[in-house]
Amino acid sequence: MAEKLPAAYLARHGETAWSLSGQHTGRTDLPLTEEGERQAQRLRPRLTGHGFVRVFTSPFLRARRTCELAGFGAAEQDPDLVEWNYGDYEGRRAAEILQERPDWRLFRDGCPGGESPGEVGARADRVIARLRSIDGDVLLFSSGHFLRTLAARWLGLTPAAGQYFMLGTGSLSMLGYDHRLSEPALRLWNESP
């Protein structure tokens, strides 16, 4: 019988006022909206009873509250799980940025006064190294652009490849392996419970 390979479940935080309006929310610590709270609660039945060996969350309120409402209030806070630092673009919508910089792409260019794709990728690599040292399934609560970068790096792609992995608020995804640990794979992506 084949050995069960570990998996990393990724939960994107529930909706906030800025995720709803399309504003870049990196270091601004916003609460969930009422719908965001409902999204987080809908994660609970999908995750209950799974037996995760470790649960980690971004220290930001939106991720911690999603974690709590999903049934995992005792999660470990990991500063590497914070969202992309958007610097000068914090609170701005992509459409506004593109009026000033028509060729701008977050996953290629990063943000002035904030993080580059390489810096976010380095944080993702640290998270991956920790995940791969844990024997068993883990659960992470974080934000969209960071989790997209994490998925790209899990697969051995550049941080820029995160642009191809769209994530809705309150969604669940899973990183795992195909047949062995040397074959990282996406096992589930952007499921809305």
N, C-alpha and C. Protein backbone atom coordinates (compact mmCIF):
# COMPACT_ATOMS: atom_id res chain seq x y z
N MET A 1 0.85 -1.19 0.00
CA MET A 1 0.00 0.00 0.00
C MET A 1 0.89 1.25 0.00
N ALA A 2 0.54 2.21 -0.83
CA ALA A 2 1.34 3.42 -0.95
C ALA A 2 1.23 4.28 0.30
N GLU A 3 2.34 4.92 0.65
CA GLU A 3 2.36 5.82 1.79
C GLU A 3 1.61 7.10 1.44
N LYS A 4 0.81 7.61 2.38
CA LYS A 4 0.08 8.86 2.18
C LYS A 4 1.07 10.02 2.18
N LEU A 5 1.04 10.82 1.16
CA LEU A 5 1.93 11.97 1.06
C LEU A 5 1.30 13.17 1.76
N PRO A 6 2.11 13.99 2.41
CA PRO A 6 1.56 15.15 3.13
C PRO A 6 1.03 16.20 2.16
N ALA A 7 0.17 17.05 2.68
CA ALA A 7 -0.41 18.14 1.88
C ALA A 7 -0.42 19.42 2.71
N ALA A 8 -0.38 20.53 2.02
CA ALA A 8 -0.51 21.84 2.66
C ALA A 8 -1.80 22.48 2.14
N TYR A 9 -2.75 22.65 3.03
CA TYR A 9 -4.02 23.30 2.70
C TYR A 9 -3.83 24.80 2.86
N LEU A 10 -4.34 25.57 1.89
CA LEU A 10 -4.20 27.01 1.89
C LEU A 10 -5.58 27.65 1.94
N ALA A 11 -5.85 28.43 2.96
CA ALA A 11 -7.12 29.14 3.07
C ALA A 11 -6.85 30.63 2.89
N ARG A 12 -7.50 31.21 1.89
CA ARG A 12 -7.40 32.66 1.74
C ARG A 12 -8.43 33.30 2.67
N HIS A 13 -8.04 34.38 3.31
CA HIS A 13 -8.95 35.05 4.24
C HIS A 13 -10.26 35.44 3.57
N GLY A 14 -11.28 35.65 4.38
CA GLY A 14 -12.57 36.10 3.88
C GLY A 14 -12.52 37.54 3.39
N GLU A 15 -13.62 37.94 2.81
CA GLU A 15 -13.73 39.27 2.22
C GLU A 15 -13.51 40.39 3.24
N THR A 16 -12.82 41.44 2.79
CA THR A 16 -12.68 42.69 3.55
C THR A 16 -13.25 43.81 2.67
N ALA A 17 -13.41 44.98 3.23
CA ALA A 17 -13.92 46.11 2.44
C ALA A 17 -13.00 46.38 1.24
N TRP A 18 -11.69 46.25 1.44
CA TRP A 18 -10.76 46.54 0.35
C TRP A 18 -10.68 45.40 -0.67
N SER A 19 -10.81 44.16 -0.24
CA SER A 19 -10.82 43.09 -1.26
C SER A 19 -12.08 43.22 -2.12
N LEU A 20 -13.17 43.67 -1.51
CA LEU A 20 -14.42 43.88 -2.24
C LEU A 20 -14.27 45.03 -3.24
N SER A 21 -13.59 46.10 -2.86
CA SER A 21 -13.44 47.27 -3.74
C SER A 21 -12.25 47.14 -4.69
N GLY A 22 -11.44 46.12 -4.52
CA GLY A 22 -10.28 45.92 -5.40
C GLY A 22 -9.05 46.71 -5.00
N GLN A 23 -9.02 47.21 -3.78
CA GLN A 23 -7.85 47.96 -3.32
C GLN A 23 -6.78 47.00 -2.83
N HIS A 24 -5.52 47.31 -3.14
CA HIS A 24 -4.41 46.49 -2.68
C HIS A 24 -4.30 46.60 -1.16
N THR A 25 -4.39 45.45 -0.49
CA THR A 25 -4.38 45.40 0.97
C THR A 25 -3.19 44.57 1.41
N GLY A 26 -2.08 45.21 1.64
CA GLY A 26 -0.89 44.51 2.11
C GLY A 26 -0.79 44.59 3.61
N ARG A 27 -0.31 45.71 4.11
CA ARG A 27 -0.03 45.86 5.53
C ARG A 27 -1.13 46.58 6.30
N THR A 28 -2.18 47.03 5.61
CA THR A 28 -3.32 47.63 6.31
C THR A 28 -4.12 46.51 6.95
N ASP A 29 -4.33 46.58 8.25
CA ASP A 29 -4.92 45.47 9.00
C ASP A 29 -6.44 45.65 9.11
N LEU A 30 -7.16 45.19 8.10
CA LEU A 30 -8.61 45.37 8.03
C LEU A 30 -9.36 44.17 8.59
N PRO A 31 -10.54 44.40 9.16
CA PRO A 31 -11.38 43.29 9.61
C PRO A 31 -12.13 42.69 8.42
N LEU A 32 -12.74 41.55 8.64
CA LEU A 32 -13.60 40.93 7.65
C LEU A 32 -14.93 41.68 7.59
N THR A 33 -15.55 41.69 6.42
CA THR A 33 -16.91 42.17 6.29
C THR A 33 -17.85 41.08 6.83
N GLU A 34 -19.13 41.36 6.89
CA GLU A 34 -20.09 40.33 7.31
C GLU A 34 -20.03 39.14 6.35
N GLU A 35 -19.93 39.41 5.05
CA GLU A 35 -19.80 38.32 4.08
C GLU A 35 -18.48 37.58 4.29
N GLY A 36 -17.43 38.29 4.61
CA GLY A 36 -16.14 37.64 4.88
C GLY A 36 -16.23 36.70 6.07
N GLU A 37 -16.97 37.09 7.08
CA GLU A 37 -17.18 36.21 8.25
C GLU A 37 -17.96 34.97 7.83
N ARG A 38 -18.96 35.13 6.99
CA ARG A 38 -19.73 33.96 6.51
C ARG A 38 -18.83 33.05 5.67
N GLN A 39 -17.99 33.64 4.82
CA GLN A 39 -17.07 32.83 4.02
C GLN A 39 -16.15 31.99 4.92
N ALA A 40 -15.64 32.63 5.96
CA ALA A 40 -14.75 31.92 6.89
C ALA A 40 -15.49 30.79 7.59
N GLN A 41 -16.71 31.03 7.99
CA GLN A 41 -17.50 29.99 8.65
C GLN A 41 -17.79 28.82 7.72
N ARG A 42 -17.93 29.10 6.43
CA ARG A 42 -18.18 28.02 5.46
C ARG A 42 -16.97 27.12 5.26
N LEU A 43 -15.78 27.58 5.66
CA LEU A 43 -14.59 26.73 5.58
C LEU A 43 -14.63 25.63 6.65
N ARG A 44 -15.29 25.90 7.78
CA ARG A 44 -15.27 25.00 8.92
C ARG A 44 -15.67 23.56 8.58
N PRO A 45 -16.83 23.32 7.94
CA PRO A 45 -17.19 21.92 7.68
C PRO A 45 -16.21 21.21 6.75
N ARG A 46 -15.60 21.96 5.86
CA ARG A 46 -14.64 21.37 4.91
C ARG A 46 -13.34 20.95 5.61
N LEU A 47 -13.01 21.64 6.72
CA LEU A 47 -11.73 21.41 7.39
C LEU A 47 -11.85 20.62 8.70
N THR A 48 -13.03 20.59 9.30
CA THR A 48 -13.23 19.94 10.59
C THR A 48 -12.90 18.45 10.51
N GLY A 49 -12.18 17.98 11.51
CA GLY A 49 -11.86 16.56 11.63
C GLY A 49 -10.73 16.09 10.75
N HIS A 50 -10.06 17.00 10.10
CA HIS A 50 -8.99 16.59 9.18
C HIS A 50 -7.74 16.10 9.92
N GLY A 51 -7.46 16.61 11.09
CA GLY A 51 -6.28 16.15 11.83
C GLY A 51 -4.99 16.77 11.36
N PHE A 52 -5.00 18.08 11.14
CA PHE A 52 -3.78 18.77 10.74
C PHE A 52 -2.77 18.68 11.88
N VAL A 53 -1.50 18.44 11.51
CA VAL A 53 -0.47 18.37 12.55
C VAL A 53 -0.01 19.76 12.98
N ARG A 54 -0.15 20.76 12.11
CA ARG A 54 0.18 22.15 12.45
C ARG A 54 -0.75 23.06 11.66
N VAL A 55 -1.10 24.19 12.29
CA VAL A 55 -1.91 25.22 11.64
C VAL A 55 -1.19 26.54 11.84
N PHE A 56 -1.00 27.28 10.73
CA PHE A 56 -0.30 28.55 10.75
C PHE A 56 -1.21 29.64 10.18
N THR A 57 -1.05 30.85 10.67
CA THR A 57 -1.79 31.99 10.13
C THR A 57 -0.91 33.22 10.03
N SER A 58 -1.23 34.05 9.08
CA SER A 58 -0.64 35.39 9.03
C SER A 58 -1.06 36.10 10.31
N PRO A 59 -0.22 36.99 10.83
CA PRO A 59 -0.60 37.73 12.03
C PRO A 59 -1.68 38.80 11.80
N PHE A 60 -2.03 39.08 10.56
CA PHE A 60 -3.03 40.12 10.30
C PHE A 60 -4.43 39.64 10.65
N LEU A 61 -5.25 40.58 11.12
CA LEU A 61 -6.59 40.31 11.62
C LEU A 61 -7.43 39.52 10.64
N ARG A 62 -7.39 39.88 9.36
CA ARG A 62 -8.26 39.22 8.38
C ARG A 62 -7.97 37.72 8.28
N ALA A 63 -6.70 37.33 8.39
CA ALA A 63 -6.34 35.91 8.35
C ALA A 63 -6.62 35.24 9.70
N ARG A 64 -6.27 35.91 10.79
CA ARG A 64 -6.50 35.33 12.12
C ARG A 64 -7.98 35.08 12.37
N ARG A 65 -8.83 36.05 11.96
CA ARG A 65 -10.27 35.90 12.17
C ARG A 65 -10.84 34.79 11.29
N THR A 66 -10.36 34.69 10.06
CA THR A 66 -10.78 33.59 9.19
C THR A 66 -10.40 32.26 9.82
N CYS A 67 -9.20 32.18 10.32
CA CYS A 67 -8.70 30.97 10.99
C CYS A 67 -9.60 30.61 12.18
N GLU A 68 -9.89 31.59 12.99
CA GLU A 68 -10.73 31.38 14.18
C GLU A 68 -12.13 30.90 13.79
N LEU A 69 -12.76 31.57 12.83
CA LEU A 69 -14.12 31.20 12.43
C LEU A 69 -14.16 29.85 11.72
N ALA A 70 -13.05 29.44 11.13
CA ALA A 70 -12.96 28.13 10.49
C ALA A 70 -12.71 27.02 11.52
N GLY A 71 -12.49 27.42 12.78
CA GLY A 71 -12.35 26.42 13.84
C GLY A 71 -10.94 26.17 14.32
N PHE A 72 -10.01 27.07 14.02
CA PHE A 72 -8.61 26.86 14.36
C PHE A 72 -8.03 28.05 15.10
N GLY A 73 -8.64 28.41 16.21
CA GLY A 73 -8.22 29.58 16.98
C GLY A 73 -6.84 29.49 17.59
N ALA A 74 -6.29 28.30 17.75
CA ALA A 74 -4.99 28.13 18.39
C ALA A 74 -3.84 28.03 17.39
N ALA A 75 -4.00 28.62 16.22
CA ALA A 75 -2.97 28.54 15.19
C ALA A 75 -1.73 29.33 15.57
N GLU A 76 -0.60 28.92 15.00
CA GLU A 76 0.68 29.62 15.19
C GLU A 76 0.76 30.78 14.20
N GLN A 77 1.11 31.96 14.67
CA GLN A 77 1.28 33.09 13.77
C GLN A 77 2.66 33.03 13.11
N ASP A 78 2.68 33.21 11.81
CA ASP A 78 3.93 33.17 11.04
C ASP A 78 4.04 34.47 10.24
N PRO A 79 5.01 35.33 10.58
CA PRO A 79 5.14 36.61 9.86
C PRO A 79 5.47 36.45 8.38
N ASP A 80 5.98 35.30 7.97
CA ASP A 80 6.25 35.09 6.54
C ASP A 80 4.96 34.93 5.74
N LEU A 81 3.83 34.72 6.40
CA LEU A 81 2.55 34.53 5.70
C LEU A 81 1.81 35.84 5.42
N VAL A 82 2.40 36.98 5.77
CA VAL A 82 1.71 38.25 5.50
C VAL A 82 1.61 38.48 4.00
N GLU A 83 0.66 39.32 3.63
CA GLU A 83 0.45 39.66 2.22
C GLU A 83 1.62 40.47 1.69
N TRP A 84 1.72 40.54 0.39
CA TRP A 84 2.70 41.34 -0.33
C TRP A 84 2.70 42.75 0.25
N ASN A 85 3.87 43.32 0.45
CA ASN A 85 3.98 44.72 0.88
C ASN A 85 3.87 45.57 -0.38
N TYR A 86 2.73 46.27 -0.53
CA TYR A 86 2.47 47.06 -1.73
C TYR A 86 3.10 48.45 -1.69
N GLY A 87 3.70 48.82 -0.58
CA GLY A 87 4.40 50.09 -0.50
C GLY A 87 3.53 51.26 -0.94
N ASP A 88 3.99 52.00 -1.96
CA ASP A 88 3.28 53.18 -2.44
C ASP A 88 1.92 52.84 -3.07
N TYR A 89 1.69 51.58 -3.37
CA TYR A 89 0.43 51.17 -3.99
C TYR A 89 -0.59 50.65 -2.98
N GLU A 90 -0.26 50.69 -1.70
CA GLU A 90 -1.19 50.26 -0.66
C GLU A 90 -2.48 51.07 -0.75
N GLY A 91 -3.60 50.38 -0.76
CA GLY A 91 -4.90 51.04 -0.80
C GLY A 91 -5.34 51.49 -2.18
N ARG A 92 -4.51 51.27 -3.17
CA ARG A 92 -4.84 51.71 -4.53
C ARG A 92 -5.37 50.54 -5.35
N ARG A 93 -6.22 50.85 -6.31
CA ARG A 93 -6.76 49.84 -7.23
C ARG A 93 -5.83 49.70 -8.43
N ALA A 94 -5.81 48.51 -9.00
CA ALA A 94 -4.96 48.26 -10.17
C ALA A 94 -5.27 49.23 -11.30
N ALA A 95 -6.54 49.54 -11.51
CA ALA A 95 -6.91 50.46 -12.60
C ALA A 95 -6.26 51.82 -12.42
N GLU A 96 -6.18 52.31 -11.19
CA GLU A 96 -5.53 53.61 -10.93
C GLU A 96 -4.04 53.53 -11.23
N ILE A 97 -3.41 52.45 -10.79
CA ILE A 97 -1.97 52.28 -11.01
C ILE A 97 -1.68 52.19 -12.50
N LEU A 98 -2.53 51.47 -13.23
CA LEU A 98 -2.31 51.28 -14.66
C LEU A 98 -2.49 52.57 -15.45
N GLN A 99 -3.24 53.53 -14.92
CA GLN A 99 -3.33 54.83 -15.58
C GLN A 99 -1.98 55.54 -15.56
N GLU A 100 -1.23 55.35 -14.47
CA GLU A 100 0.09 55.97 -14.34
C GLU A 100 1.18 55.13 -15.00
N ARG A 101 1.04 53.83 -14.88
CA ARG A 101 2.04 52.88 -15.41
C ARG A 101 1.34 51.81 -16.22
N PRO A 102 1.00 52.09 -17.48
CA PRO A 102 0.19 51.16 -18.28
C PRO A 102 0.76 49.75 -18.42
N ASP A 103 2.07 49.62 -18.30
CA ASP A 103 2.69 48.30 -18.48
C ASP A 103 2.96 47.59 -17.14
N TRP A 104 2.51 48.16 -16.03
CA TRP A 104 2.82 47.59 -14.71
C TRP A 104 2.14 46.25 -14.50
N ARG A 105 2.92 45.32 -13.93
CA ARG A 105 2.38 44.03 -13.49
C ARG A 105 2.99 43.70 -12.15
N LEU A 106 2.14 43.46 -11.17
CA LEU A 106 2.60 43.19 -9.81
C LEU A 106 3.61 42.06 -9.77
N PHE A 107 3.28 40.94 -10.39
CA PHE A 107 4.12 39.74 -10.28
C PHE A 107 5.43 39.85 -11.06
N ARG A 108 5.55 40.85 -11.90
CA ARG A 108 6.80 41.09 -12.61
C ARG A 108 7.57 42.25 -12.00
N ASP A 109 6.84 43.33 -11.64
CA ASP A 109 7.48 44.59 -11.27
C ASP A 109 7.53 44.88 -9.77
N GLY A 110 6.66 44.23 -9.00
CA GLY A 110 6.59 44.57 -7.58
C GLY A 110 6.02 45.96 -7.39
N CYS A 111 6.33 46.57 -6.24
CA CYS A 111 5.74 47.87 -5.89
C CYS A 111 6.82 48.82 -5.38
N PRO A 112 6.80 50.07 -5.84
CA PRO A 112 7.76 51.04 -5.30
C PRO A 112 7.50 51.25 -3.81
N GLY A 113 8.57 51.24 -3.05
CA GLY A 113 8.44 51.38 -1.61
C GLY A 113 7.95 50.13 -0.92
N GLY A 114 7.75 49.07 -1.67
CA GLY A 114 7.26 47.79 -1.12
C GLY A 114 8.17 46.65 -1.52
N GLU A 115 7.58 45.48 -1.72
CA GLU A 115 8.38 44.29 -2.03
C GLU A 115 8.45 44.01 -3.53
N SER A 116 9.54 43.39 -3.90
CA SER A 116 9.72 42.89 -5.26
C SER A 116 9.20 41.46 -5.32
N PRO A 117 8.95 40.93 -6.51
CA PRO A 117 8.55 39.53 -6.61
C PRO A 117 9.59 38.60 -5.98
N GLY A 118 10.86 38.92 -6.12
CA GLY A 118 11.91 38.08 -5.54
C GLY A 118 11.85 38.04 -4.02
N GLU A 119 11.54 39.18 -3.41
CA GLU A 119 11.43 39.22 -1.95
C GLU A 119 10.24 38.41 -1.45
N VAL A 120 9.11 38.51 -2.14
CA VAL A 120 7.94 37.72 -1.76
C VAL A 120 8.23 36.24 -2.01
N GLY A 121 8.90 35.94 -3.12
CA GLY A 121 9.29 34.57 -3.41
C GLY A 121 10.21 33.99 -2.35
N ALA A 122 11.11 34.80 -1.81
CA ALA A 122 12.02 34.33 -0.75
C ALA A 122 11.23 33.99 0.51
N ARG A 123 10.21 34.79 0.84
CA ARG A 123 9.36 34.46 1.99
C ARG A 123 8.62 33.15 1.73
N ALA A 124 8.11 33.00 0.51
CA ALA A 124 7.41 31.76 0.15
C ALA A 124 8.35 30.56 0.26
N ASP A 125 9.58 30.72 -0.17
CA ASP A 125 10.56 29.63 -0.07
C ASP A 125 10.82 29.24 1.38
N ARG A 126 10.86 30.22 2.28
CA ARG A 126 11.04 29.89 3.70
C ARG A 126 9.85 29.10 4.24
N VAL A 127 8.66 29.51 3.84
CA VAL A 127 7.46 28.79 4.27
C VAL A 127 7.50 27.35 3.73
N ILE A 128 7.84 27.20 2.48
CA ILE A 128 7.90 25.87 1.86
C ILE A 128 8.91 24.99 2.57
N ALA A 129 10.07 25.53 2.90
CA ALA A 129 11.09 24.75 3.62
C ALA A 129 10.54 24.25 4.95
N ARG A 130 9.81 25.11 5.66
CA ARG A 130 9.20 24.68 6.93
C ARG A 130 8.14 23.62 6.70
N LEU A 131 7.29 23.83 5.70
CA LEU A 131 6.22 22.86 5.42
C LEU A 131 6.79 21.49 5.08
N ARG A 132 7.83 21.47 4.28
CA ARG A 132 8.41 20.19 3.86
C ARG A 132 9.18 19.49 4.97
N SER A 133 9.44 20.19 6.08
CA SER A 133 10.11 19.56 7.22
C SER A 133 9.10 18.97 8.21
N ILE A 134 7.81 19.17 7.96
CA ILE A 134 6.76 18.69 8.86
C ILE A 134 6.19 17.39 8.31
N ASP A 135 6.07 16.41 9.16
CA ASP A 135 5.54 15.11 8.76
C ASP A 135 4.03 15.11 9.00
N GLY A 136 3.27 15.36 7.95
CA GLY A 136 1.82 15.37 8.05
C GLY A 136 1.23 16.59 7.37
N ASP A 137 -0.09 16.65 7.36
CA ASP A 137 -0.79 17.74 6.69
C ASP A 137 -0.78 19.00 7.54
N VAL A 138 -0.67 20.14 6.87
CA VAL A 138 -0.68 21.44 7.54
C VAL A 138 -1.74 22.32 6.90
N LEU A 139 -2.13 23.35 7.62
CA LEU A 139 -3.14 24.29 7.16
C LEU A 139 -2.60 25.70 7.35
N LEU A 140 -2.70 26.52 6.30
CA LEU A 140 -2.23 27.90 6.34
C LEU A 140 -3.36 28.86 6.04
N PHE A 141 -3.40 29.98 6.76
CA PHE A 141 -4.34 31.06 6.50
C PHE A 141 -3.53 32.29 6.11
N SER A 142 -3.79 32.82 4.91
CA SER A 142 -3.02 33.97 4.44
C SER A 142 -3.85 34.76 3.44
N SER A 143 -3.16 35.52 2.58
CA SER A 143 -3.78 36.42 1.63
C SER A 143 -3.49 36.01 0.19
N GLY A 144 -4.27 36.56 -0.73
CA GLY A 144 -4.27 36.12 -2.11
C GLY A 144 -2.96 36.17 -2.86
N HIS A 145 -2.32 37.33 -2.95
CA HIS A 145 -1.11 37.42 -3.75
C HIS A 145 0.03 36.61 -3.14
N PHE A 146 0.09 36.57 -1.81
CA PHE A 146 1.14 35.74 -1.22
C PHE A 146 0.88 34.26 -1.51
N LEU A 147 -0.35 33.79 -1.37
CA LEU A 147 -0.64 32.37 -1.60
C LEU A 147 -0.42 32.00 -3.06
N ARG A 148 -0.69 32.92 -3.97
CA ARG A 148 -0.43 32.65 -5.39
C ARG A 148 1.07 32.49 -5.64
N THR A 149 1.87 33.33 -4.98
CA THR A 149 3.33 33.21 -5.10
C THR A 149 3.80 31.90 -4.47
N LEU A 150 3.22 31.54 -3.34
CA LEU A 150 3.57 30.28 -2.66
C LEU A 150 3.30 29.08 -3.58
N ALA A 151 2.17 29.09 -4.25
CA ALA A 151 1.85 27.99 -5.16
C ALA A 151 2.87 27.90 -6.29
N ALA A 152 3.23 29.04 -6.86
CA ALA A 152 4.22 29.04 -7.94
C ALA A 152 5.55 28.47 -7.46
N ARG A 153 6.00 28.92 -6.31
CA ARG A 153 7.28 28.44 -5.78
C ARG A 153 7.21 26.96 -5.40
N TRP A 154 6.07 26.50 -4.88
CA TRP A 154 5.88 25.08 -4.54
C TRP A 154 6.15 24.20 -5.77
N LEU A 155 5.70 24.70 -6.92
CA LEU A 155 5.85 23.96 -8.18
C LEU A 155 7.22 24.17 -8.83
N GLY A 156 8.08 24.99 -8.21
CA GLY A 156 9.39 25.25 -8.78
C GLY A 156 9.38 26.33 -9.85
N LEU A 157 8.29 27.09 -9.94
CA LEU A 157 8.18 28.17 -10.91
C LEU A 157 8.69 29.47 -10.31
N THR A 158 8.90 30.46 -11.14
CA THR A 158 9.33 31.77 -10.64
C THR A 158 8.17 32.43 -9.88
N PRO A 159 8.46 33.38 -9.00
CA PRO A 159 7.37 34.10 -8.34
C PRO A 159 6.40 34.74 -9.33
N ALA A 160 6.89 35.16 -10.49
CA ALA A 160 6.03 35.79 -11.49
C ALA A 160 4.91 34.87 -11.96
N ALA A 161 5.11 33.56 -11.89
CA ALA A 161 4.07 32.61 -12.31
C ALA A 161 2.84 32.66 -11.41
N GLY A 162 2.95 33.30 -10.25
CA GLY A 162 1.79 33.45 -9.38
C GLY A 162 0.65 34.20 -10.05
N GLN A 163 0.97 34.98 -11.09
CA GLN A 163 -0.08 35.72 -11.80
C GLN A 163 -1.13 34.79 -12.42
N TYR A 164 -0.79 33.53 -12.63
CA TYR A 164 -1.70 32.60 -13.30
C TYR A 164 -2.64 31.87 -12.35
N PHE A 165 -2.48 32.05 -11.04
CA PHE A 165 -3.27 31.29 -10.06
C PHE A 165 -4.25 32.23 -9.34
N MET A 166 -5.40 32.45 -9.90
CA MET A 166 -6.38 33.35 -9.29
C MET A 166 -6.98 32.70 -8.03
N LEU A 167 -7.28 33.55 -7.03
CA LEU A 167 -7.85 33.07 -5.77
C LEU A 167 -8.97 34.00 -5.31
N GLY A 168 -10.12 33.43 -5.00
CA GLY A 168 -11.21 34.20 -4.43
C GLY A 168 -11.08 34.27 -2.92
N THR A 169 -11.76 35.24 -2.32
CA THR A 169 -11.75 35.33 -0.86
C THR A 169 -12.48 34.13 -0.27
N GLY A 170 -12.02 33.68 0.88
CA GLY A 170 -12.63 32.55 1.57
C GLY A 170 -12.46 31.23 0.84
N SER A 171 -11.48 31.14 -0.05
CA SER A 171 -11.29 29.92 -0.85
C SER A 171 -10.31 28.97 -0.17
N LEU A 172 -10.37 27.73 -0.64
CA LEU A 172 -9.49 26.69 -0.13
C LEU A 172 -8.73 26.07 -1.30
N SER A 173 -7.43 25.84 -1.10
CA SER A 173 -6.59 25.21 -2.10
C SER A 173 -5.71 24.19 -1.39
N MET A 174 -5.04 23.33 -2.16
CA MET A 174 -4.17 22.34 -1.54
C MET A 174 -2.95 22.08 -2.42
N LEU A 175 -1.79 22.17 -1.78
CA LEU A 175 -0.52 21.82 -2.42
C LEU A 175 -0.14 20.43 -1.94
N GLY A 176 0.33 19.62 -2.84
CA GLY A 176 0.73 18.27 -2.45
C GLY A 176 1.75 17.73 -3.42
N TYR A 177 1.62 16.45 -3.69
CA TYR A 177 2.58 15.75 -4.53
C TYR A 177 1.83 14.78 -5.44
N ASP A 178 2.48 14.41 -6.53
CA ASP A 178 1.90 13.43 -7.43
C ASP A 178 2.14 12.03 -6.87
N HIS A 179 3.24 11.39 -7.19
CA HIS A 179 3.50 10.03 -6.71
C HIS A 179 4.54 9.96 -5.61
N ARG A 180 5.38 10.98 -5.53
CA ARG A 180 6.45 10.99 -4.51
C ARG A 180 6.81 12.43 -4.19
N LEU A 181 7.60 12.60 -3.13
CA LEU A 181 7.94 13.93 -2.64
C LEU A 181 8.73 14.77 -3.64
N SER A 182 9.31 14.14 -4.62
CA SER A 182 10.05 14.89 -5.64
C SER A 182 9.14 15.40 -6.75
N GLU A 183 7.82 15.20 -6.62
CA GLU A 183 6.88 15.61 -7.65
C GLU A 183 5.79 16.53 -7.08
N PRO A 184 6.15 17.79 -6.73
CA PRO A 184 5.14 18.70 -6.19
C PRO A 184 4.03 18.97 -7.21
N ALA A 185 2.82 19.13 -6.68
CA ALA A 185 1.67 19.32 -7.56
C ALA A 185 0.60 20.13 -6.85
N LEU A 186 -0.30 20.73 -7.64
CA LEU A 186 -1.51 21.35 -7.10
C LEU A 186 -2.55 20.23 -7.04
N ARG A 187 -3.14 20.05 -5.87
CA ARG A 187 -4.16 19.01 -5.73
C ARG A 187 -5.56 19.60 -5.71
N LEU A 188 -5.67 20.87 -5.38
CA LEU A 188 -6.96 21.56 -5.35
C LEU A 188 -6.66 23.04 -5.47
N TRP A 189 -7.50 23.76 -6.21
CA TRP A 189 -7.23 25.20 -6.32
C TRP A 189 -8.54 26.00 -6.33
N ASN A 190 -8.60 27.01 -5.47
CA ASN A 190 -9.64 28.03 -5.45
C ASN A 190 -11.04 27.46 -5.25
N GLU A 191 -11.17 26.48 -4.39
CA GLU A 191 -12.48 25.93 -4.07
C GLU A 191 -13.20 26.88 -3.12
N SER A 192 -14.44 27.21 -3.44
CA SER A 192 -15.24 28.05 -2.56
C SER A 192 -16.26 27.16 -1.87
N PRO A 193 -16.02 26.85 -0.59
CA PRO A 193 -16.94 25.95 0.13
C PRO A 193 -18.34 26.53 0.26
